[in-house]
């Protein structure tokens, strides 16, 4: 009888422990956003002209919450003044693994170039506003820019995303003048994991509420032709390829740079047509492409060979890539071959440089075999980032590890 009672007691204890664990997981996954109209996962992006507009996206736990942007000129400006610009957001809902969430997207237009603005977003009800943040529009006639490049934050657990947060924090301490971020894809491990997205944004909220984060679609962002969780988090240019998922291919300008963002996960042929049109249509001096799977990285992705021919035809200077979770930089390449140093006459095509800036999160792959196109190729098993500065006829690329050591640098000239 005693043994029987002991079994019952042990069973009850096990059941209680299971319930406690399940309850804690439920609390963790439904943490503050549930049924609340308070904003979270706030991020700013470019959508239109960088000098006269700015776009924003945020989530709410209440799928029926209204969304408003309030914006006022100046730093530490008051929203009680009569000069507040109020813009209603396009508010929808998205079914997630933790229930329905509100998705709010808005763009402020008609802004003044080279001007600081203070803003907040929310439902319009007191107590349901975000923390205020400040951004600055692009100056008119700007001929220089610095931006940050990262790839593959790709976290699965809270600790992974803390590493991502540390990486971006170090990047901005190294390049405080950076005006935007290009993330080369695989933002999270599982695009259906809401907690992962919340950790991704939560660990860099102070930076990306002020500095635009321009994302590339990776194979962990679009799976089997679906990228709803990825695209719902960003308000991006609507100038991409026909039949592509909106927000997975697009382009934008800043200063002397034209950035073309491609999606290696779907609709490659239509993107080829659009890529030609996009590059032919820009008058910017510098052309930079961002994509996830590398044309020339630790290995090559044969499905994008058509794109590399277009890069050659339109003299793309630099291709930023991800996916390989290691560092690689190519020689300048043209027609699939190395451009010999010092043999380019003035005005000749200089070739395109392809880089993969390792990973910004916890995951690293073993270094792949060196290929003919590798000028720099290594695995240091540390989070990395790059700062790219374009001034006049010079582009300077500098890659750092999270400890602050510069591990690669090169200069391109026009």
Protein backbone atom coordinates (compact mmCIF):
# COMPACT_ATOMS: atom_id res chain seq x y z
CA UNK A 1 0.00 0.00 0.00
CA UNK A 2 2.84 2.37 0.91
CA UNK A 3 4.46 1.73 -2.48
CA UNK A 4 1.13 2.50 -4.17
CA UNK A 5 0.80 5.79 -2.26
CA UNK A 6 4.39 6.67 -3.10
CA UNK A 7 3.73 6.11 -6.80
CA UNK A 8 0.66 8.36 -6.63
CA UNK A 9 2.61 11.10 -4.84
CA UNK A 10 5.52 10.89 -7.29
CA UNK A 11 3.07 10.99 -10.22
CA UNK A 12 1.32 14.03 -8.77
CA UNK A 13 4.66 15.81 -8.30
CA UNK A 14 5.65 15.06 -11.89
CA UNK A 15 2.31 16.39 -13.17
CA UNK A 16 2.70 19.56 -11.11
CA UNK A 17 6.24 20.08 -12.41
CA UNK A 18 5.05 19.63 -15.99
CA UNK A 19 2.26 22.16 -15.43
CA UNK A 20 4.72 24.63 -13.92
CA UNK A 21 7.10 24.28 -16.89
CA UNK A 22 4.26 24.62 -19.40
CA UNK A 23 2.91 27.61 -17.50
CA UNK A 24 6.29 29.34 -17.44
CA UNK A 25 6.72 28.74 -21.17
CA UNK A 26 3.25 30.16 -21.80
CA UNK A 27 4.10 33.22 -19.72
CA UNK A 28 7.37 33.65 -21.58
CA UNK A 29 5.75 33.38 -24.98
CA UNK A 30 2.83 35.64 -24.16
CA UNK A 31 4.91 38.04 -22.07
CA UNK A 32 3.84 41.70 -22.42
CA UNK A 33 2.34 41.97 -25.91
CA UNK A 34 -0.81 39.85 -25.34
CA UNK A 35 -3.99 41.87 -25.89
CA UNK A 36 -2.11 45.14 -25.39
CA UNK A 37 -2.13 48.08 -27.79
CA UNK A 38 1.36 49.10 -26.63
CA UNK A 39 3.85 49.08 -29.55
CA UNK A 40 6.76 46.65 -29.76
CA UNK A 41 9.11 45.35 -32.50
CA UNK A 42 9.39 48.95 -33.74
CA UNK A 43 11.71 49.51 -36.70
CA UNK A 44 12.29 52.33 -39.16
CA UNK A 45 13.14 51.88 -42.84
CA UNK A 46 13.48 53.84 -46.07
CA UNK A 47 10.50 53.52 -48.37
CA UNK A 48 10.58 56.70 -50.46
CA UNK A 49 13.13 59.49 -50.77
CA UNK A 50 15.57 59.34 -47.84
CA UNK A 51 15.67 63.13 -47.64
CA UNK A 52 11.94 63.77 -47.42
CA UNK A 53 10.33 60.63 -45.98
CA UNK A 54 10.70 57.84 -43.43
CA UNK A 55 8.75 54.61 -42.87
CA UNK A 56 7.91 52.71 -39.68
CA UNK A 57 6.53 49.32 -38.64
CA UNK A 58 5.48 47.98 -35.25
CA UNK A 59 3.45 45.20 -33.69
CA UNK A 60 0.78 45.18 -31.00
CA UNK A 61 -0.64 42.31 -28.98
CA UNK A 62 -4.14 43.63 -29.71
CA UNK A 63 -4.92 42.75 -33.36
CA UNK A 64 -7.67 45.38 -33.47
CA UNK A 65 -5.60 48.27 -32.10
CA UNK A 66 -5.40 51.49 -34.10
CA UNK A 67 -2.03 52.77 -35.24
CA UNK A 68 -0.81 56.36 -35.31
CA UNK A 69 2.47 58.16 -35.93
CA UNK A 70 3.14 61.52 -34.29
CA UNK A 71 6.19 63.40 -35.51
CA UNK A 72 7.59 66.83 -34.73
CA UNK A 73 10.65 68.71 -35.97
CA UNK A 74 13.62 68.91 -33.62
CA UNK A 75 15.28 66.92 -30.86
CA UNK A 76 13.44 66.57 -27.53
CA UNK A 77 10.47 68.32 -29.10
CA UNK A 78 7.06 68.40 -27.44
CA UNK A 79 4.01 66.54 -28.75
CA UNK A 80 1.83 69.10 -26.98
CA UNK A 81 2.74 71.77 -29.54
CA UNK A 82 0.58 72.62 -32.51
CA UNK A 83 3.24 71.55 -35.02
CA UNK A 84 2.80 67.80 -34.59
CA UNK A 85 2.33 65.84 -37.82
CA UNK A 86 -0.14 62.99 -37.24
CA UNK A 87 -0.34 60.13 -39.74
CA UNK A 88 -2.67 57.14 -39.47
CA UNK A 89 -1.03 53.75 -39.98
CA UNK A 90 -2.22 50.97 -42.24
CA UNK A 91 -3.20 48.46 -39.54
CA UNK A 92 -3.79 44.76 -40.22
CA UNK A 93 -3.54 41.56 -38.24
CA UNK A 94 -1.36 38.47 -38.61
CA UNK A 95 -1.92 35.01 -37.17
CA UNK A 96 1.19 33.86 -35.30
CA UNK A 97 2.14 30.92 -33.12
CA UNK A 98 1.12 32.99 -30.07
CA UNK A 99 -2.19 34.21 -31.49
CA UNK A 100 -3.23 37.14 -33.64
CA UNK A 101 -1.09 40.24 -33.55
CA UNK A 102 -1.63 43.77 -34.85
CA UNK A 103 0.71 44.90 -37.64
CA UNK A 104 1.03 48.64 -38.19
CA UNK A 105 2.85 50.34 -41.09
CA UNK A 106 3.09 54.06 -41.81
CA UNK A 107 5.20 56.47 -43.83
CA UNK A 108 5.82 60.14 -43.12
CA UNK A 109 6.34 62.21 -46.28
CA UNK A 110 6.96 65.86 -47.05
CA UNK A 111 9.79 66.12 -44.51
CA UNK A 112 12.69 68.56 -44.76
CA UNK A 113 16.11 67.23 -45.87
CA UNK A 114 18.93 67.20 -43.33
CA UNK A 115 16.53 67.68 -40.43
CA UNK A 116 16.18 65.93 -37.08
CA UNK A 117 12.70 64.75 -36.09
CA UNK A 118 11.30 63.29 -32.88
CA UNK A 119 8.52 60.75 -33.16
CA UNK A 120 6.41 58.20 -31.35
CA UNK A 121 3.93 55.54 -32.49
CA UNK A 122 0.93 54.02 -30.78
CA UNK A 123 -2.81 53.67 -30.66
CA UNK A 124 -3.44 57.35 -29.95
CA UNK A 125 -4.49 56.57 -26.38
CA UNK A 126 -2.40 57.89 -23.48
CA UNK A 127 -0.22 55.12 -22.06
CA UNK A 128 -0.15 53.26 -25.38
CA UNK A 129 2.68 55.18 -27.05
CA UNK A 130 6.19 53.97 -27.79
CA UNK A 131 9.26 55.57 -26.26
CA UNK A 132 10.17 58.63 -28.30
CA UNK A 133 13.00 58.31 -30.80
CA UNK A 134 14.88 60.70 -33.08
CA UNK A 135 15.90 60.29 -36.72
CA UNK A 136 17.53 62.61 -39.25
CA UNK A 137 16.62 62.84 -42.92
CA UNK A 138 19.30 62.80 -45.62
CA UNK A 139 20.89 66.12 -46.49
CA UNK A 140 20.31 67.62 -49.95
CA UNK A 141 23.20 67.17 -52.36
CA UNK A 142 24.83 64.62 -50.10
CA UNK A 143 27.91 63.07 -51.76
CA UNK A 144 29.00 60.70 -48.99
CA UNK A 145 27.54 58.04 -46.69
CA UNK A 146 28.60 55.38 -44.20
CA UNK A 147 26.47 52.31 -43.53
CA UNK A 148 26.75 49.03 -41.63
CA UNK A 149 26.56 45.55 -43.13
CA UNK A 150 25.71 42.42 -41.12
CA UNK A 151 24.38 38.96 -41.93
CA UNK A 152 22.85 35.87 -40.35
CA UNK A 153 21.86 36.94 -36.84
CA UNK A 154 19.80 33.72 -37.05
CA UNK A 155 19.04 33.13 -33.40
CA UNK A 156 16.98 30.37 -31.83
CA UNK A 157 17.32 31.24 -28.14
CA UNK A 158 17.45 34.45 -26.12
CA UNK A 159 21.22 34.11 -25.63
CA UNK A 160 21.73 34.00 -29.42
CA UNK A 161 19.96 37.31 -29.88
CA UNK A 162 21.97 38.95 -27.11
CA UNK A 163 25.02 38.20 -29.26
CA UNK A 164 23.28 39.88 -32.20
CA UNK A 165 22.54 42.89 -30.00
CA UNK A 166 26.17 43.08 -28.90
CA UNK A 167 27.31 42.93 -32.53
CA UNK A 168 25.15 45.82 -33.67
CA UNK A 169 26.04 47.83 -30.58
CA UNK A 170 29.75 47.40 -31.35
CA UNK A 171 29.11 48.28 -34.99
CA UNK A 172 27.59 51.63 -34.06
CA UNK A 173 30.35 52.37 -31.57
CA UNK A 174 32.83 51.73 -34.38
CA UNK A 175 30.82 53.60 -37.02
CA UNK A 176 28.71 56.18 -35.13
CA UNK A 177 28.19 58.11 -38.36
CA UNK A 178 26.36 55.18 -40.03
CA UNK A 179 23.11 56.23 -41.70
CA UNK A 180 21.52 52.81 -42.29
CA UNK A 181 22.03 49.06 -41.86
CA UNK A 182 21.92 46.38 -44.55
CA UNK A 183 21.19 42.95 -43.06
CA UNK A 184 21.97 40.15 -45.52
CA UNK A 185 19.27 37.74 -44.38
CA UNK A 186 18.43 34.92 -41.98
CA UNK A 187 17.30 37.26 -39.24
CA UNK A 188 15.96 34.38 -37.11
CA UNK A 189 16.27 30.60 -37.17
CA UNK A 190 12.54 29.86 -37.44
CA UNK A 191 10.33 32.47 -39.15
CA UNK A 192 7.24 31.03 -37.43
CA UNK A 193 8.70 31.59 -33.94
CA UNK A 194 7.20 34.85 -32.66
CA UNK A 195 9.46 34.94 -29.62
CA UNK A 196 12.48 34.82 -31.93
CA UNK A 197 11.29 37.91 -33.81
CA UNK A 198 10.63 39.73 -30.56
CA UNK A 199 14.15 38.90 -29.36
CA UNK A 200 15.63 39.98 -32.70
CA UNK A 201 14.03 43.41 -32.49
CA UNK A 202 14.15 43.76 -28.71
CA UNK A 203 17.93 43.47 -28.50
CA UNK A 204 18.53 46.31 -30.97
CA UNK A 205 15.47 48.50 -30.35
CA UNK A 206 17.42 51.64 -29.45
CA UNK A 207 19.33 51.54 -32.76
CA UNK A 208 16.67 50.47 -35.25
CA UNK A 209 14.02 52.88 -34.00
CA UNK A 210 16.29 55.69 -35.28
CA UNK A 211 18.52 54.16 -37.97
CA UNK A 212 16.85 52.37 -40.92
CA UNK A 213 17.31 48.60 -41.04
CA UNK A 214 17.10 47.40 -44.66
CA UNK A 215 16.68 43.59 -44.74
CA UNK A 216 17.52 40.93 -47.30
CA UNK A 217 15.39 37.78 -47.51
CA UNK A 218 17.28 34.64 -46.48
CA UNK A 219 16.34 30.96 -46.62
CA UNK A 220 15.27 31.18 -42.95
CA UNK A 221 13.08 34.21 -43.73
CA UNK A 222 11.23 32.78 -46.73
CA UNK A 223 10.43 29.07 -46.51
CA UNK A 224 8.50 27.19 -49.23
CA UNK A 225 7.48 30.45 -50.83
CA UNK A 226 6.08 31.95 -47.62
CA UNK A 227 7.62 35.02 -45.96
CA UNK A 228 4.66 36.55 -44.10
CA UNK A 229 6.39 36.95 -40.75
CA UNK A 230 9.44 38.49 -42.38
CA UNK A 231 7.63 40.97 -44.63
CA UNK A 232 5.10 41.94 -41.95
CA UNK A 233 7.90 43.42 -39.85
CA UNK A 234 9.16 45.93 -42.45
CA UNK A 235 7.72 48.82 -44.47
CA UNK A 236 9.89 48.73 -47.60
CA UNK A 237 10.04 50.26 -51.10
CA UNK A 238 7.38 48.99 -53.49
CA UNK A 239 9.61 49.08 -56.57
CA UNK A 240 10.65 45.41 -56.72
CA UNK A 241 10.38 42.66 -59.30
CA UNK A 242 7.02 41.62 -60.72
CA UNK A 243 5.59 38.48 -59.06
CA UNK A 244 8.09 38.65 -56.20
CA UNK A 245 6.74 38.67 -52.67
CA UNK A 246 6.38 42.36 -51.84
CA UNK A 247 9.29 43.53 -49.72
CA UNK A 248 11.72 40.81 -50.82
CA UNK A 249 13.22 42.70 -53.79
CA UNK A 250 13.59 46.46 -53.89
CA UNK A 251 16.10 49.27 -54.32
CA UNK A 252 16.87 52.60 -52.69
CA UNK A 253 19.30 55.50 -52.91
CA UNK A 254 21.35 57.35 -50.33
CA UNK A 255 23.88 59.99 -51.34
CA UNK A 256 26.06 58.67 -54.17
CA UNK A 257 24.98 55.04 -53.63
CA UNK A 258 22.29 52.94 -55.26
CA UNK A 259 21.50 49.75 -53.31
CA UNK A 260 19.68 46.88 -55.03
CA UNK A 261 18.25 44.15 -52.79
CA UNK A 262 17.64 40.73 -54.36
CA UNK A 263 15.84 37.62 -53.08
CA UNK A 264 17.72 34.37 -53.75
CA UNK A 265 14.78 32.23 -52.55
CA UNK A 266 12.18 32.67 -55.31
CA UNK A 267 11.25 34.33 -58.62
CA UNK A 268 14.85 34.50 -59.82
CA UNK A 269 14.04 34.86 -63.54
CA UNK A 270 11.68 37.82 -63.11
CA UNK A 271 14.20 39.40 -60.78
CA UNK A 272 16.80 39.18 -63.57
CA UNK A 273 14.57 41.29 -65.81
CA UNK A 274 13.92 43.76 -63.01
CA UNK A 275 17.60 43.88 -62.03
CA UNK A 276 18.56 45.09 -65.50
CA UNK A 277 15.87 47.74 -65.45
CA UNK A 278 16.83 48.83 -61.95
CA UNK A 279 20.55 49.18 -62.66
CA UNK A 280 19.95 50.83 -66.03
CA UNK A 281 17.63 53.36 -64.38
CA UNK A 282 20.01 54.73 -61.76
CA UNK A 283 22.36 57.66 -62.22
CA UNK A 284 24.19 57.05 -58.94
CA UNK A 285 27.96 56.75 -59.16
CA UNK A 286 28.18 53.67 -56.93
CA UNK A 287 26.13 50.48 -57.39
CA UNK A 288 25.90 47.98 -54.53
CA UNK A 289 23.86 44.77 -54.50
CA UNK A 290 22.72 42.91 -51.37
CA UNK A 291 21.60 39.26 -51.49
CA UNK A 292 21.61 36.20 -49.23
CA UNK A 293 23.01 33.12 -50.98
CA UNK A 294 26.41 34.08 -52.38
CA UNK A 295 27.29 34.23 -56.04
CA UNK A 296 30.92 34.04 -54.90
CA UNK A 297 31.31 33.34 -51.18
CA UNK A 298 32.60 30.32 -49.30
CA UNK A 299 31.01 28.53 -52.23
CA UNK A 300 28.95 29.59 -55.26
CA UNK A 301 25.23 29.48 -56.00
CA UNK A 302 24.79 28.47 -59.62
CA UNK A 303 21.17 29.63 -59.80
CA UNK A 304 22.27 33.27 -59.77
CA UNK A 305 24.75 33.08 -62.65
CA UNK A 306 22.43 35.25 -64.75
CA UNK A 307 22.65 37.93 -62.09
CA UNK A 308 26.45 38.00 -62.15
CA UNK A 309 26.40 38.66 -65.90
CA UNK A 310 24.11 41.62 -65.26
CA UNK A 311 26.44 42.84 -62.48
CA UNK A 312 29.23 42.80 -65.09
CA UNK A 313 27.17 44.60 -67.73
CA UNK A 314 26.18 47.42 -65.38
CA UNK A 315 29.49 47.61 -63.51
CA UNK A 316 28.23 46.80 -60.04
CA UNK A 317 30.98 47.71 -57.60
CA UNK A 318 30.23 45.56 -54.56
CA UNK A 319 27.97 42.60 -53.76
CA UNK A 320 27.11 42.03 -50.08
CA UNK A 321 26.15 38.42 -49.25
CA UNK A 322 25.34 36.07 -46.36
CA UNK A 323 24.40 32.43 -45.81
CA UNK A 324 27.87 30.85 -45.46
CA UNK A 325 28.54 31.92 -41.83
CA UNK A 326 32.23 32.53 -42.54
CA UNK A 327 34.25 35.44 -43.91
CA UNK A 328 35.16 35.68 -47.57
CA UNK A 329 36.18 38.38 -50.01
CA UNK A 330 36.77 37.87 -53.69
CA UNK A 331 39.22 39.43 -56.06
CA UNK A 332 37.52 41.86 -58.45
CA UNK A 333 35.72 39.51 -60.85
CA UNK A 334 34.55 40.00 -64.43
CA UNK A 335 33.06 37.29 -66.66
CA UNK A 336 33.80 34.72 -63.96
CA UNK A 337 37.53 35.50 -63.90
CA UNK A 338 39.87 37.63 -61.78
CA UNK A 339 40.59 41.10 -63.14
CA UNK A 340 44.41 41.40 -63.18
CA UNK A 341 45.63 44.17 -60.89
CA UNK A 342 47.05 47.18 -62.67
CA UNK A 343 45.94 46.07 -66.14
CA UNK A 344 42.75 48.12 -66.33
CA UNK A 345 43.06 51.16 -68.57
CA UNK A 346 41.13 54.24 -67.49
CA UNK A 347 37.41 53.75 -68.08
CA UNK A 348 37.61 49.98 -68.41
CA UNK A 349 35.41 47.74 -66.30
CA UNK A 350 37.08 47.16 -62.97
CA UNK A 351 35.21 44.03 -61.95
CA UNK A 352 32.94 43.37 -58.97
CA UNK A 353 34.02 42.49 -55.42
CA UNK A 354 31.90 39.91 -53.53
CA UNK A 355 31.98 39.70 -49.72
CA UNK A 356 30.40 37.64 -46.95
CA UNK A 357 30.84 39.33 -43.55
CA UNK A 358 30.63 36.12 -41.50
CA UNK A 359 27.66 36.00 -39.06
CA UNK A 360 26.24 38.50 -36.56
CA UNK A 361 24.77 35.80 -34.30
CA UNK A 362 25.72 32.54 -32.63
CA UNK A 363 26.00 30.18 -35.59
CA UNK A 364 29.28 29.57 -37.46
CA UNK A 365 30.12 27.02 -40.15
CA UNK A 366 33.43 25.33 -40.80
CA UNK A 367 35.56 27.21 -43.31
CA UNK A 368 34.96 25.88 -46.79
CA UNK A 369 37.72 25.06 -49.26
CA UNK A 370 39.51 27.99 -50.82
CA UNK A 371 38.44 28.78 -54.38
CA UNK A 372 40.24 30.57 -57.21
CA UNK A 373 38.32 33.77 -56.56
CA UNK A 374 39.19 34.05 -52.84
CA UNK A 375 41.46 36.93 -51.92
CA UNK A 376 40.57 36.73 -48.20
CA UNK A 377 38.93 33.67 -46.65
CA UNK A 378 38.80 32.61 -43.00
CA UNK A 379 36.71 31.45 -40.05
CA UNK A 380 37.40 33.19 -36.74
CA UNK A 381 34.24 31.96 -34.93
CA UNK A 382 33.40 35.48 -33.79
CA UNK A 383 30.49 37.73 -34.68
CA UNK A 384 31.46 40.23 -37.37
CA UNK A 385 30.21 43.40 -39.04
CA UNK A 386 31.44 45.77 -41.71
CA UNK A 387 31.35 49.51 -42.17
CA UNK A 388 31.20 50.83 -45.73
CA UNK A 389 32.02 54.48 -46.40
CA UNK A 390 31.52 56.08 -49.81
CA UNK A 391 32.92 59.56 -50.38
CA UNK A 392 33.18 60.96 -53.90
CA UNK A 393 35.18 58.53 -56.02
CA UNK A 394 36.31 56.29 -53.10
CA UNK A 395 34.63 53.36 -51.35
CA UNK A 396 36.27 52.07 -48.17
CA UNK A 397 35.20 48.73 -46.68
CA UNK A 398 36.29 47.71 -43.18
CA UNK A 399 35.36 44.43 -41.48
CA UNK A 400 35.60 44.01 -37.69
CA UNK A 401 35.01 41.29 -35.17
CA UNK A 402 32.84 41.96 -32.13
CA UNK A 403 35.95 42.51 -29.98
CA UNK A 404 36.88 45.52 -32.10
CA UNK A 405 39.71 44.04 -34.18
CA UNK A 406 39.73 45.09 -37.84
CA UNK A 407 40.25 41.89 -39.84
CA UNK A 408 39.92 43.11 -43.41
CA UNK A 409 39.98 46.39 -45.32
CA UNK A 410 39.95 47.37 -48.97
CA UNK A 411 39.41 50.48 -51.07
CA UNK A 412 37.65 50.77 -54.42
CA UNK A 413 38.11 53.81 -56.64
CA UNK A 414 36.25 55.23 -59.61
